[in-house]
Every structure is written in C-alpha cells, then in structure tokens.
Amino acid sequence: MLKVGITGGIGSGKTTICRIFETLGIPVFYADTVAKEIMVNDTILIQGVKDSFGEESYLLGGILNNKHIAGIVFNNEQELAKLNAMVHPAVFRAFDNWAAQLPKDTPYILKEAALLFESGSYKMCNKNILVTAPLELKLERVMKRDGVTADQVKARMDKQFTDEKEDKDG
C-alpha cells in the first residue's frame, strides 16, 4: 500500500483536497484530528503531559486545558519541543495502527498533517504532496473559518514551515 502525505500551511486547502479523495473511496488519516483525540484518550500521553506541564493540564472530566498548555508552549520553543516529543510519536503509532487495519488490497492512503515535515512523519510516507495557496487567500479562509484576526492567523503561520521551506526540504 502506497502511503501519501498531504501537507500545507494553515488555510492552504489540504483538508478540502483530502475530502475529495475520500469521496473517491481513498482512506484518509487526519493527523491533527487524531492528535487532539489521543491527547484525551492515550493514558501514557496524558500522564506525560501532566508530569511535564502539571496536573492542571487537564480539567475535570479529562478535558485538555488548552489555555494552560498554550500559555506554557506558545512562546517557549523548548517547552513546545517537549510537548511535540510526546505527541508526535503517539500520532505515528496511531497512523501505523490505522493503516494496519485497512484491507490489504487498498492501493494507497493519505496522511493529512499540517506538520508533516516538522514532525518528521513525512518519512513514513512513500510520496508527499505540498498544497499551497496565496497568503491573502489563506488568511481569508482561516479568519472566516475560525473567527480570528489576520494577526492571529499570522502567529499560527509563524509556527509552521513556509511553503518554500517544505518544498525545498521535503
């Protein structure tokens, strides 16, 4: 089975492209969605987050305290790297488990991930596709989708590789 990575900056259109493939019957693994799920379901990951960032990392009922975590990692590269070192391997395992459960005759699958290159998960794929869009269009899409300002979108973009870097390094 061929594994194809799909990546691109926030608002580039990668999810839309993956949804088109899904209508054609191609299985798609949405890494960012899975990451959010395992942050509240994977007991080993949960304990690692609590050990590293405090018990207050989770609210009552096991809900991830995004505000607390963001306050620690948003402007601290070392703390962000620590969090990523826990989350990325858990997502890699989830991808492997997901792919192993698919029918053996599945010709190819897609792995949609915003941080495909940054996380190193592009190495798990046979091919990788970079989706790009003009900055103005990306800003417009994310502002409309998330109800945020252009400055907030740009702050998120600053945490990702640029399209040029992904294309050169991937």
Protein backbone atom coordinates (compact mmCIF):
# COMPACT_ATOMS: atom_id res chain seq x y z
CA MET A 1 0.00 0.00 0.00
CA LEU A 2 1.33 3.38 -1.03
CA LYS A 3 1.32 6.00 1.74
CA VAL A 4 0.97 9.59 0.56
CA GLY A 5 1.48 12.55 2.87
CA ILE A 6 -0.58 15.69 2.25
CA THR A 7 0.62 18.88 3.90
CA GLY A 8 0.46 22.62 3.58
CA GLY A 9 0.25 25.67 5.73
CA ILE A 10 -2.86 26.68 7.59
CA GLY A 11 -5.63 27.62 5.16
CA SER A 12 -3.88 26.11 2.14
CA GLY A 13 -6.73 23.75 1.26
CA LYS A 14 -5.19 20.40 2.21
CA THR A 15 -8.30 19.22 4.06
CA THR A 16 -10.54 20.11 1.12
CA ILE A 17 -8.31 18.09 -1.19
CA CYS A 18 -8.39 15.14 1.20
CA ARG A 19 -12.19 15.28 1.37
CA ILE A 20 -12.28 15.00 -2.44
CA PHE A 21 -10.11 11.86 -2.25
CA GLU A 22 -12.45 10.48 0.43
CA THR A 23 -15.41 10.83 -1.95
CA LEU A 24 -13.41 8.62 -4.32
CA GLY A 25 -13.10 5.98 -1.60
CA ILE A 26 -9.50 6.69 -0.62
CA PRO A 27 -8.85 6.30 3.13
CA VAL A 28 -7.54 9.48 4.79
CA PHE A 29 -5.83 9.75 8.18
CA TYR A 30 -6.25 13.23 9.64
CA ALA A 31 -3.21 13.56 11.93
CA ASP A 32 -4.26 16.81 13.59
CA THR A 33 -7.69 15.42 14.50
CA VAL A 34 -6.16 12.22 15.84
CA ALA A 35 -3.64 14.23 17.86
CA LYS A 36 -6.50 16.05 19.60
CA GLU A 37 -8.24 12.74 20.30
CA ILE A 38 -5.20 11.00 21.75
CA MET A 39 -4.42 13.99 23.95
CA VAL A 40 -7.51 12.97 25.96
CA ASN A 41 -7.55 9.19 25.33
CA ASP A 42 -3.96 7.93 25.42
CA THR A 43 -3.18 7.29 29.11
CA ILE A 44 0.58 7.25 28.60
CA LEU A 45 0.49 10.58 26.76
CA ILE A 46 -1.85 12.11 29.35
CA GLN A 47 0.48 11.13 32.17
CA GLY A 48 3.48 12.53 30.28
CA VAL A 49 1.69 15.84 29.76
CA LYS A 50 0.73 16.01 33.44
CA ASP A 51 4.28 15.15 34.52
CA SER A 52 5.76 17.81 32.25
CA PHE A 53 3.20 20.61 32.49
CA GLY A 54 1.32 19.95 35.72
CA GLU A 55 -1.93 18.32 36.81
CA GLU A 56 -3.75 21.48 35.74
CA SER A 57 -3.06 20.42 32.12
CA TYR A 58 -6.38 18.58 32.33
CA LEU A 59 -9.70 19.84 33.65
CA LEU A 60 -12.37 17.78 35.38
CA GLY A 61 -13.63 15.01 33.16
CA GLY A 62 -10.26 14.62 31.44
CA ILE A 63 -10.68 17.66 29.20
CA LEU A 64 -7.39 19.08 27.94
CA ASN A 65 -6.74 22.54 29.37
CA ASN A 66 -5.67 24.15 26.09
CA LYS A 67 -5.30 27.58 27.66
CA HIS A 68 -2.85 26.26 30.27
CA ILE A 69 -0.80 24.29 27.73
CA ALA A 70 -0.75 27.17 25.23
CA GLY A 71 0.39 29.53 27.96
CA ILE A 72 3.42 27.31 28.55
CA VAL A 73 4.42 26.34 25.00
CA PHE A 74 3.27 29.24 22.79
CA ASN A 75 6.37 31.40 23.23
CA ASN A 76 8.78 28.78 24.56
CA GLU A 77 10.42 26.65 21.88
CA GLN A 78 11.92 24.22 24.43
CA GLU A 79 8.56 23.53 26.05
CA LEU A 80 6.89 23.19 22.64
CA ALA A 81 9.58 20.72 21.60
CA LYS A 82 8.95 18.76 24.81
CA LEU A 83 5.22 18.56 24.06
CA ASN A 84 5.83 17.61 20.43
CA ALA A 85 8.28 14.89 21.52
CA MET A 86 5.37 13.26 23.37
CA VAL A 87 2.54 13.89 20.90
CA HIS A 88 4.21 13.13 17.56
CA PRO A 89 5.29 9.56 18.42
CA ALA A 90 1.77 8.82 19.71
CA VAL A 91 0.30 10.06 16.41
CA PHE A 92 2.86 7.96 14.48
CA ARG A 93 1.69 4.86 16.38
CA ALA A 94 -1.95 5.74 15.72
CA PHE A 95 -1.21 6.08 11.98
CA ASP A 96 0.57 2.72 11.86
CA ASN A 97 -2.31 1.04 13.73
CA TRP A 98 -4.90 2.67 11.45
CA ALA A 99 -3.05 1.67 8.27
CA ALA A 100 -2.58 -1.92 9.50
CA GLN A 101 -6.36 -2.31 9.89
CA LEU A 102 -7.14 -1.34 6.30
CA PRO A 103 -7.77 -4.02 3.65
CA LYS A 104 -4.50 -5.33 2.24
CA ASP A 105 -5.62 -4.53 -1.31
CA THR A 106 -6.01 -0.80 -0.59
CA PRO A 107 -3.92 0.79 -3.35
CA TYR A 108 -3.00 3.96 -1.47
CA ILE A 109 -3.86 6.02 1.58
CA LEU A 110 -3.42 9.66 2.51
CA LYS A 111 -2.00 11.12 5.69
CA GLU A 112 -3.12 14.74 6.10
CA ALA A 113 -0.86 16.61 8.51
CA ALA A 114 -0.07 20.30 8.90
CA LEU A 115 3.29 19.44 10.46
CA LEU A 116 4.24 16.55 8.17
CA PHE A 117 7.81 17.79 7.64
CA GLU A 118 8.28 19.47 11.01
CA SER A 119 7.33 16.26 12.83
CA GLY A 120 9.41 14.01 10.58
CA SER A 121 6.33 11.94 9.70
CA TYR A 122 6.93 12.54 6.01
CA LYS A 123 9.48 9.71 6.36
CA MET A 124 6.57 7.31 6.98
CA CYS A 125 5.16 8.12 3.54
CA ASN A 126 6.26 6.94 0.11
CA LYS A 127 5.31 10.25 -1.50
CA ASN A 128 4.44 13.69 -0.16
CA ILE A 129 2.28 16.43 -1.64
CA LEU A 130 2.53 20.09 -0.64
CA VAL A 131 -0.66 22.12 -1.04
CA THR A 132 -0.14 25.85 -1.42
CA ALA A 133 -2.30 28.94 -1.78
CA PRO A 134 -1.62 32.69 -1.89
CA LEU A 135 -1.19 34.31 1.53
CA GLU A 136 -4.26 36.53 1.12
CA LEU A 137 -6.47 33.51 0.38
CA LYS A 138 -5.08 31.54 3.33
CA LEU A 139 -5.67 34.47 5.67
CA GLU A 140 -9.23 34.93 4.39
CA ARG A 141 -10.06 31.22 4.76
CA VAL A 142 -8.76 30.88 8.31
CA MET A 143 -10.22 34.18 9.51
CA LYS A 144 -13.65 33.09 8.22
CA ARG A 145 -13.35 29.50 9.47
CA ASP A 146 -12.01 30.26 12.95
CA GLY A 147 -13.36 33.76 13.59
CA VAL A 148 -9.90 35.18 14.27
CA THR A 149 -7.90 38.21 13.15
CA ALA A 150 -5.22 38.30 10.46
CA ASP A 151 -2.58 38.80 13.17
CA GLN A 152 -3.75 35.66 14.98
CA VAL A 153 -3.56 33.67 11.76
CA LYS A 154 -0.08 35.01 11.03
CA ALA A 155 1.05 33.99 14.53
CA ARG A 156 -0.07 30.42 13.78
CA MET A 157 1.65 30.52 10.40
CA ASP A 158 4.89 31.53 12.08
CA LYS A 159 4.89 28.15 13.88
CA GLN A 160 4.85 26.22 10.60
CA PHE A 161 7.41 25.79 7.84
CA THR A 162 6.92 28.14 4.92
CA ASP A 163 5.73 26.60 1.65
CA GLU A 164 9.16 27.30 0.18
CA LYS A 165 11.00 25.51 3.01
CA GLU A 166 8.70 22.48 2.85
CA ASP A 167 9.14 22.24 -0.91
CA LYS A 168 12.94 22.51 -0.66
CA ASP A 169 13.38 20.20 2.34
CA GLY A 170 10.67 17.64 1.54
